[in-house]
Amino acid sequence: MTKLSFGAHPYLLGFEQLERLVERTAKTAGEGYPPFNIEAVAENAYRITLAVAGFREEDLSITVEDRQLVVRGRQAEEEGQRVFLHRGIAARAFQRSFVLAEGVEVAAATMENGLLHIDLRRSAPEPVVQTIRIGRG
């Protein structure tokens, strides 16, 4: 028996890219820093909240690359030598990625109390009905 991959199923025509998106998402699923929440705030609106304590707005960048939302953080090097007796607050660079569905766009990004909020909205596509004429061969 031959096992078909998701993108090669005979009833799913043109969905090869979906399989690549699932694979790309699986690669980034093991990341644990920084912690984040994803919530539905309305029927077609979402909010991603990342805990970025210690980062300033200028330490963070948000980009959308090929339907992938990428949040990067890098803190500037501190001037002077600080001696920590205990360092429990993470200060390492990070990259966190989220794959966006077709029609999902970033509406806004805000910082509040050490939390980075990224608001997303989905535009509802207009239903399209197309009639195909059958020609004579």
N, C-alpha and C. Protein backbone atom coordinates (compact mmCIF):
# COMPACT_ATOMS: atom_id res chain seq x y z
N MET A 1 0.85 -1.19 0.00
CA MET A 1 0.00 0.00 0.00
C MET A 1 0.89 1.24 0.00
N THR A 2 0.59 2.16 -0.86
CA THR A 2 1.38 3.39 -0.97
C THR A 2 0.77 4.46 -0.08
N LYS A 3 1.59 5.08 0.74
CA LYS A 3 1.12 6.14 1.62
C LYS A 3 1.29 7.47 0.89
N LEU A 4 0.20 8.19 0.76
CA LEU A 4 0.24 9.49 0.09
C LEU A 4 0.55 10.58 1.10
N SER A 5 1.38 11.52 0.69
CA SER A 5 1.61 12.67 1.55
C SER A 5 0.41 13.60 1.44
N PHE A 6 0.30 14.49 2.38
CA PHE A 6 -0.86 15.40 2.42
C PHE A 6 -1.00 16.17 1.11
N GLY A 7 0.10 16.72 0.61
CA GLY A 7 0.04 17.53 -0.61
C GLY A 7 -0.18 16.71 -1.87
N ALA A 8 -0.01 15.40 -1.80
CA ALA A 8 -0.15 14.56 -2.98
C ALA A 8 -1.50 13.85 -3.03
N HIS A 9 -2.40 14.13 -2.11
CA HIS A 9 -3.71 13.49 -2.11
C HIS A 9 -4.45 13.88 -3.39
N PRO A 10 -5.10 12.94 -4.09
CA PRO A 10 -5.70 13.25 -5.39
C PRO A 10 -6.84 14.26 -5.35
N TYR A 11 -7.49 14.47 -4.21
CA TYR A 11 -8.59 15.42 -4.13
C TYR A 11 -8.15 16.81 -3.68
N LEU A 12 -6.90 16.97 -3.32
CA LEU A 12 -6.37 18.26 -2.87
C LEU A 12 -5.41 18.79 -3.93
N LEU A 13 -5.95 19.47 -4.91
CA LEU A 13 -5.15 19.97 -6.02
C LEU A 13 -4.61 21.35 -5.70
N GLY A 14 -3.30 21.52 -5.85
CA GLY A 14 -2.68 22.82 -5.64
C GLY A 14 -2.35 23.14 -4.19
N PHE A 15 -2.38 22.15 -3.31
CA PHE A 15 -2.12 22.38 -1.89
C PHE A 15 -0.71 21.95 -1.48
N GLU A 16 0.19 21.81 -2.43
CA GLU A 16 1.55 21.38 -2.11
C GLU A 16 2.23 22.33 -1.13
N GLN A 17 1.95 23.63 -1.29
CA GLN A 17 2.58 24.62 -0.41
C GLN A 17 2.11 24.45 1.04
N LEU A 18 0.90 23.98 1.25
CA LEU A 18 0.39 23.76 2.59
C LEU A 18 1.24 22.75 3.34
N GLU A 19 1.66 21.71 2.67
CA GLU A 19 2.52 20.71 3.30
C GLU A 19 3.86 21.33 3.72
N ARG A 20 4.41 22.20 2.86
CA ARG A 20 5.67 22.88 3.20
C ARG A 20 5.48 23.80 4.40
N LEU A 21 4.32 24.46 4.49
CA LEU A 21 4.04 25.33 5.63
C LEU A 21 3.96 24.53 6.93
N VAL A 22 3.34 23.37 6.87
CA VAL A 22 3.23 22.51 8.06
C VAL A 22 4.62 22.06 8.50
N GLU A 23 5.47 21.68 7.55
CA GLU A 23 6.83 21.27 7.89
C GLU A 23 7.62 22.42 8.50
N ARG A 24 7.47 23.63 7.95
CA ARG A 24 8.20 24.79 8.46
C ARG A 24 7.72 25.13 9.88
N THR A 25 6.43 24.98 10.13
CA THR A 25 5.90 25.25 11.46
C THR A 25 6.39 24.22 12.46
N ALA A 26 6.47 22.97 12.06
CA ALA A 26 6.92 21.92 12.97
C ALA A 26 8.36 22.15 13.40
N LYS A 27 9.19 22.73 12.53
CA LYS A 27 10.58 22.98 12.88
C LYS A 27 10.71 24.03 13.98
N THR A 28 9.81 25.00 14.02
CA THR A 28 9.91 26.08 15.01
C THR A 28 9.08 25.80 16.26
N ALA A 29 8.37 24.67 16.31
CA ALA A 29 7.47 24.39 17.43
C ALA A 29 8.21 24.13 18.73
N GLY A 30 9.46 23.73 18.70
CA GLY A 30 10.20 23.39 19.90
C GLY A 30 10.76 24.58 20.65
N GLU A 31 10.65 25.76 20.09
CA GLU A 31 11.19 26.94 20.76
C GLU A 31 10.39 27.24 22.02
N GLY A 32 11.08 27.62 23.10
CA GLY A 32 10.37 27.91 24.33
C GLY A 32 10.53 29.34 24.80
N TYR A 33 11.37 30.13 24.14
CA TYR A 33 11.64 31.49 24.59
C TYR A 33 11.44 32.45 23.45
N PRO A 34 10.77 33.53 23.66
CA PRO A 34 10.03 33.92 24.86
C PRO A 34 8.66 33.25 24.88
N PRO A 35 8.08 33.13 26.07
CA PRO A 35 6.73 32.55 26.14
C PRO A 35 5.73 33.47 25.46
N PHE A 36 4.64 32.88 24.96
CA PHE A 36 3.64 33.67 24.24
C PHE A 36 2.25 33.11 24.43
N ASN A 37 1.26 33.95 24.15
CA ASN A 37 -0.15 33.56 24.11
C ASN A 37 -0.69 33.91 22.74
N ILE A 38 -1.69 33.16 22.28
CA ILE A 38 -2.44 33.50 21.08
C ILE A 38 -3.90 33.46 21.47
N GLU A 39 -4.61 34.55 21.20
CA GLU A 39 -6.03 34.60 21.57
C GLU A 39 -6.86 35.11 20.41
N ALA A 40 -8.09 34.65 20.34
CA ALA A 40 -9.06 35.17 19.38
C ALA A 40 -9.79 36.30 20.09
N VAL A 41 -9.67 37.51 19.56
CA VAL A 41 -10.30 38.66 20.21
C VAL A 41 -11.62 39.03 19.54
N ALA A 42 -11.87 38.52 18.34
CA ALA A 42 -13.12 38.69 17.62
C ALA A 42 -13.19 37.56 16.59
N GLU A 43 -14.26 37.55 15.80
CA GLU A 43 -14.43 36.47 14.84
C GLU A 43 -13.28 36.40 13.84
N ASN A 44 -12.80 37.52 13.36
CA ASN A 44 -11.72 37.56 12.39
C ASN A 44 -10.53 38.37 12.89
N ALA A 45 -10.29 38.34 14.19
CA ALA A 45 -9.17 39.09 14.77
C ALA A 45 -8.49 38.24 15.83
N TYR A 46 -7.15 38.30 15.83
CA TYR A 46 -6.34 37.52 16.75
C TYR A 46 -5.30 38.43 17.39
N ARG A 47 -4.77 38.00 18.53
CA ARG A 47 -3.69 38.73 19.17
C ARG A 47 -2.65 37.74 19.65
N ILE A 48 -1.41 38.00 19.26
CA ILE A 48 -0.26 37.24 19.77
C ILE A 48 0.40 38.14 20.81
N THR A 49 0.65 37.61 22.00
CA THR A 49 1.31 38.36 23.06
C THR A 49 2.57 37.61 23.47
N LEU A 50 3.71 38.29 23.36
CA LEU A 50 4.99 37.70 23.75
C LEU A 50 5.50 38.40 24.99
N ALA A 51 6.01 37.63 25.96
CA ALA A 51 6.60 38.19 27.17
C ALA A 51 8.05 38.56 26.86
N VAL A 52 8.31 39.85 26.72
CA VAL A 52 9.65 40.32 26.32
C VAL A 52 10.22 41.28 27.38
N ALA A 53 10.10 40.89 28.64
CA ALA A 53 10.61 41.73 29.72
C ALA A 53 12.10 42.01 29.52
N GLY A 54 12.48 43.26 29.69
CA GLY A 54 13.87 43.65 29.55
C GLY A 54 14.23 44.13 28.16
N PHE A 55 13.36 43.91 27.18
CA PHE A 55 13.61 44.38 25.82
C PHE A 55 12.92 45.73 25.62
N ARG A 56 13.59 46.61 24.90
CA ARG A 56 12.99 47.88 24.51
C ARG A 56 12.43 47.74 23.10
N GLU A 57 11.59 48.68 22.70
CA GLU A 57 11.02 48.64 21.35
C GLU A 57 12.10 48.58 20.28
N GLU A 58 13.19 49.33 20.49
CA GLU A 58 14.26 49.35 19.48
C GLU A 58 15.07 48.05 19.47
N ASP A 59 14.89 47.18 20.46
CA ASP A 59 15.57 45.88 20.49
C ASP A 59 14.80 44.81 19.71
N LEU A 60 13.59 45.14 19.28
CA LEU A 60 12.70 44.17 18.65
C LEU A 60 12.45 44.53 17.19
N SER A 61 12.27 43.51 16.37
CA SER A 61 11.85 43.74 14.98
C SER A 61 10.76 42.72 14.63
N ILE A 62 9.80 43.19 13.86
CA ILE A 62 8.68 42.35 13.42
C ILE A 62 8.63 42.44 11.90
N THR A 63 8.70 41.29 11.23
CA THR A 63 8.63 41.26 9.78
C THR A 63 7.67 40.16 9.33
N VAL A 64 7.15 40.31 8.13
CA VAL A 64 6.37 39.25 7.49
C VAL A 64 7.13 38.86 6.24
N GLU A 65 7.56 37.60 6.21
CA GLU A 65 8.35 37.07 5.10
C GLU A 65 7.67 35.83 4.55
N ASP A 66 7.13 35.93 3.35
CA ASP A 66 6.49 34.79 2.70
C ASP A 66 5.42 34.17 3.61
N ARG A 67 4.49 35.00 4.07
CA ARG A 67 3.37 34.61 4.95
C ARG A 67 3.84 34.04 6.29
N GLN A 68 5.04 34.38 6.70
CA GLN A 68 5.55 33.95 7.99
C GLN A 68 5.88 35.20 8.81
N LEU A 69 5.20 35.34 9.95
CA LEU A 69 5.45 36.44 10.86
C LEU A 69 6.67 36.08 11.70
N VAL A 70 7.68 36.95 11.66
CA VAL A 70 8.93 36.67 12.38
C VAL A 70 9.18 37.81 13.36
N VAL A 71 9.32 37.46 14.64
CA VAL A 71 9.64 38.43 15.68
C VAL A 71 11.05 38.12 16.15
N ARG A 72 11.92 39.13 16.10
CA ARG A 72 13.31 38.96 16.53
C ARG A 72 13.60 39.94 17.65
N GLY A 73 14.40 39.51 18.59
CA GLY A 73 14.82 40.37 19.68
C GLY A 73 16.29 40.23 19.95
N ARG A 74 16.97 41.36 20.09
CA ARG A 74 18.39 41.36 20.41
C ARG A 74 18.64 42.58 21.28
N GLN A 75 19.10 42.35 22.50
CA GLN A 75 19.39 43.45 23.40
C GLN A 75 20.76 44.02 23.11
N ALA A 76 20.86 45.33 23.21
CA ALA A 76 22.14 46.01 23.01
C ALA A 76 23.09 45.62 24.14
N GLU A 77 24.36 45.56 23.82
CA GLU A 77 25.36 45.23 24.84
C GLU A 77 25.41 46.32 25.90
N GLU A 78 25.43 45.91 27.15
CA GLU A 78 25.49 46.87 28.24
C GLU A 78 26.90 47.42 28.37
N GLU A 79 26.97 48.69 28.64
CA GLU A 79 28.28 49.30 28.84
C GLU A 79 28.69 49.11 30.29
N GLY A 80 29.95 48.84 30.51
CA GLY A 80 30.43 48.60 31.87
C GLY A 80 30.25 47.14 32.26
N GLN A 81 30.92 46.75 33.28
CA GLN A 81 30.85 45.38 33.76
C GLN A 81 29.89 45.33 34.95
N ARG A 82 28.90 44.45 34.86
CA ARG A 82 27.99 44.22 35.96
C ARG A 82 28.27 42.84 36.52
N VAL A 83 28.26 42.71 37.81
CA VAL A 83 28.51 41.43 38.46
C VAL A 83 27.18 40.92 39.01
N PHE A 84 26.70 39.84 38.45
CA PHE A 84 25.44 39.25 38.90
C PHE A 84 25.73 38.15 39.91
N LEU A 85 25.04 38.17 41.03
CA LEU A 85 25.10 37.07 41.98
C LEU A 85 24.12 35.97 41.57
N HIS A 86 23.04 36.38 40.92
CA HIS A 86 22.07 35.45 40.34
C HIS A 86 21.47 36.13 39.12
N ARG A 87 21.40 35.44 38.01
CA ARG A 87 20.81 36.01 36.80
C ARG A 87 19.68 35.10 36.35
N GLY A 88 18.46 35.46 36.73
CA GLY A 88 17.28 34.66 36.39
C GLY A 88 16.45 35.28 35.29
N ILE A 89 16.74 36.51 34.90
CA ILE A 89 16.01 37.17 33.83
C ILE A 89 16.76 36.94 32.53
N ALA A 90 16.11 36.26 31.60
CA ALA A 90 16.75 35.93 30.33
C ALA A 90 17.04 37.20 29.55
N ALA A 91 18.20 37.28 28.96
CA ALA A 91 18.58 38.44 28.16
C ALA A 91 19.18 37.98 26.84
N ARG A 92 18.77 36.82 26.37
CA ARG A 92 19.36 36.29 25.15
C ARG A 92 18.53 36.71 23.93
N ALA A 93 19.17 36.68 22.80
CA ALA A 93 18.49 36.99 21.54
C ALA A 93 17.51 35.86 21.23
N PHE A 94 16.48 36.20 20.46
CA PHE A 94 15.50 35.19 20.09
C PHE A 94 14.94 35.48 18.71
N GLN A 95 14.35 34.45 18.15
CA GLN A 95 13.56 34.56 16.93
C GLN A 95 12.36 33.66 17.09
N ARG A 96 11.18 34.21 16.95
CA ARG A 96 9.94 33.44 17.10
C ARG A 96 9.15 33.61 15.80
N SER A 97 8.69 32.51 15.20
CA SER A 97 8.00 32.55 13.92
C SER A 97 6.60 31.98 14.03
N PHE A 98 5.68 32.57 13.27
CA PHE A 98 4.30 32.13 13.18
C PHE A 98 3.90 32.14 11.70
N VAL A 99 3.31 31.06 11.21
CA VAL A 99 2.87 31.01 9.83
C VAL A 99 1.46 31.59 9.77
N LEU A 100 1.26 32.56 8.87
CA LEU A 100 -0.03 33.22 8.72
C LEU A 100 -0.80 32.61 7.56
N ALA A 101 -2.09 32.41 7.77
CA ALA A 101 -2.95 31.89 6.71
C ALA A 101 -3.16 32.96 5.64
N GLU A 102 -3.58 32.53 4.48
CA GLU A 102 -3.91 33.45 3.40
C GLU A 102 -4.98 34.43 3.89
N GLY A 103 -4.75 35.71 3.69
CA GLY A 103 -5.72 36.72 4.09
C GLY A 103 -5.52 37.28 5.49
N VAL A 104 -4.60 36.70 6.27
CA VAL A 104 -4.32 37.22 7.61
C VAL A 104 -3.21 38.25 7.51
N GLU A 105 -3.45 39.44 8.06
CA GLU A 105 -2.48 40.53 8.00
C GLU A 105 -2.22 41.08 9.40
N VAL A 106 -1.05 41.67 9.58
CA VAL A 106 -0.71 42.32 10.84
C VAL A 106 -1.40 43.68 10.83
N ALA A 107 -2.22 43.93 11.86
CA ALA A 107 -2.94 45.20 11.96
C ALA A 107 -2.16 46.21 12.77
N ALA A 108 -1.51 45.77 13.85
CA ALA A 108 -0.78 46.69 14.72
C ALA A 108 0.12 45.89 15.65
N ALA A 109 1.10 46.60 16.23
CA ALA A 109 1.97 46.02 17.25
C ALA A 109 2.19 47.08 18.32
N THR A 110 2.05 46.68 19.60
CA THR A 110 2.22 47.61 20.71
C THR A 110 2.99 46.93 21.83
N MET A 111 3.69 47.76 22.63
CA MET A 111 4.40 47.27 23.83
C MET A 111 3.69 47.83 25.05
N GLU A 112 3.49 46.97 26.05
CA GLU A 112 2.83 47.41 27.27
C GLU A 112 3.28 46.53 28.43
N ASN A 113 3.94 47.14 29.41
CA ASN A 113 4.35 46.43 30.63
C ASN A 113 5.17 45.16 30.35
N GLY A 114 6.13 45.24 29.43
CA GLY A 114 6.98 44.09 29.13
C GLY A 114 6.33 43.05 28.24
N LEU A 115 5.16 43.36 27.67
CA LEU A 115 4.47 42.45 26.77
C LEU A 115 4.38 43.08 25.39
N LEU A 116 4.72 42.31 24.38
CA LEU A 116 4.59 42.76 22.99
C LEU A 116 3.31 42.16 22.45
N HIS A 117 2.37 43.02 22.05
CA HIS A 117 1.09 42.59 21.48
C HIS A 117 1.14 42.78 19.98
N ILE A 118 0.82 41.74 19.22
CA ILE A 118 0.73 41.83 17.77
C ILE A 118 -0.70 41.46 17.39
N ASP A 119 -1.41 42.44 16.85
CA ASP A 119 -2.80 42.24 16.47
C ASP A 119 -2.89 41.85 15.00
N LEU A 120 -3.65 40.79 14.74
CA LEU A 120 -3.82 40.27 13.39
C LEU A 120 -5.29 40.34 13.02
N ARG A 121 -5.56 40.51 11.73
CA ARG A 121 -6.95 40.47 11.27
C ARG A 121 -7.01 39.66 9.98
N ARG A 122 -8.12 38.98 9.84
CA ARG A 122 -8.35 38.17 8.64
C ARG A 122 -9.42 38.86 7.81
N SER A 123 -9.09 39.13 6.55
CA SER A 123 -10.09 39.69 5.65
C SER A 123 -10.86 38.53 5.04
N ALA A 124 -12.18 38.61 5.12
CA ALA A 124 -13.02 37.54 4.60
C ALA A 124 -13.09 37.64 3.08
N PRO A 125 -12.70 36.58 2.37
CA PRO A 125 -12.76 36.63 0.91
C PRO A 125 -14.20 36.59 0.42
N GLU A 126 -14.44 37.27 -0.69
CA GLU A 126 -15.76 37.24 -1.31
C GLU A 126 -15.97 35.88 -1.96
N PRO A 127 -17.14 35.26 -1.75
CA PRO A 127 -17.38 33.97 -2.41
C PRO A 127 -17.46 34.18 -3.93
N VAL A 128 -16.82 33.30 -4.65
CA VAL A 128 -16.78 33.39 -6.11
C VAL A 128 -17.41 32.13 -6.69
N VAL A 129 -18.39 32.31 -7.56
CA VAL A 129 -19.00 31.20 -8.29
C VAL A 129 -18.69 31.45 -9.76
N GLN A 130 -18.10 30.46 -10.39
CA GLN A 130 -17.69 30.60 -11.77
C GLN A 130 -18.33 29.47 -12.58
N THR A 131 -18.96 29.83 -13.67
CA THR A 131 -19.56 28.85 -14.56
C THR A 131 -18.61 28.60 -15.72
N ILE A 132 -18.31 27.36 -15.98
CA ILE A 132 -17.37 26.98 -17.04
C ILE A 132 -18.17 26.42 -18.22
N ARG A 133 -18.02 27.03 -19.37
CA ARG A 133 -18.68 26.54 -20.58
C ARG A 133 -17.94 25.32 -21.11
N ILE A 134 -18.68 24.38 -21.60
CA ILE A 134 -18.09 23.18 -22.18
C ILE A 134 -18.05 23.35 -23.70
N GLY A 135 -16.86 23.32 -24.23
CA GLY A 135 -16.71 23.51 -25.67
C GLY A 135 -16.65 22.18 -26.40
N ARG A 136 -16.74 22.27 -27.70
CA ARG A 136 -16.64 21.06 -28.52
C ARG A 136 -15.20 20.89 -28.93
N GLY A 137 -14.72 19.66 -28.82
CA GLY A 137 -13.34 19.32 -29.09
C GLY A 137 -12.98 19.42 -30.49
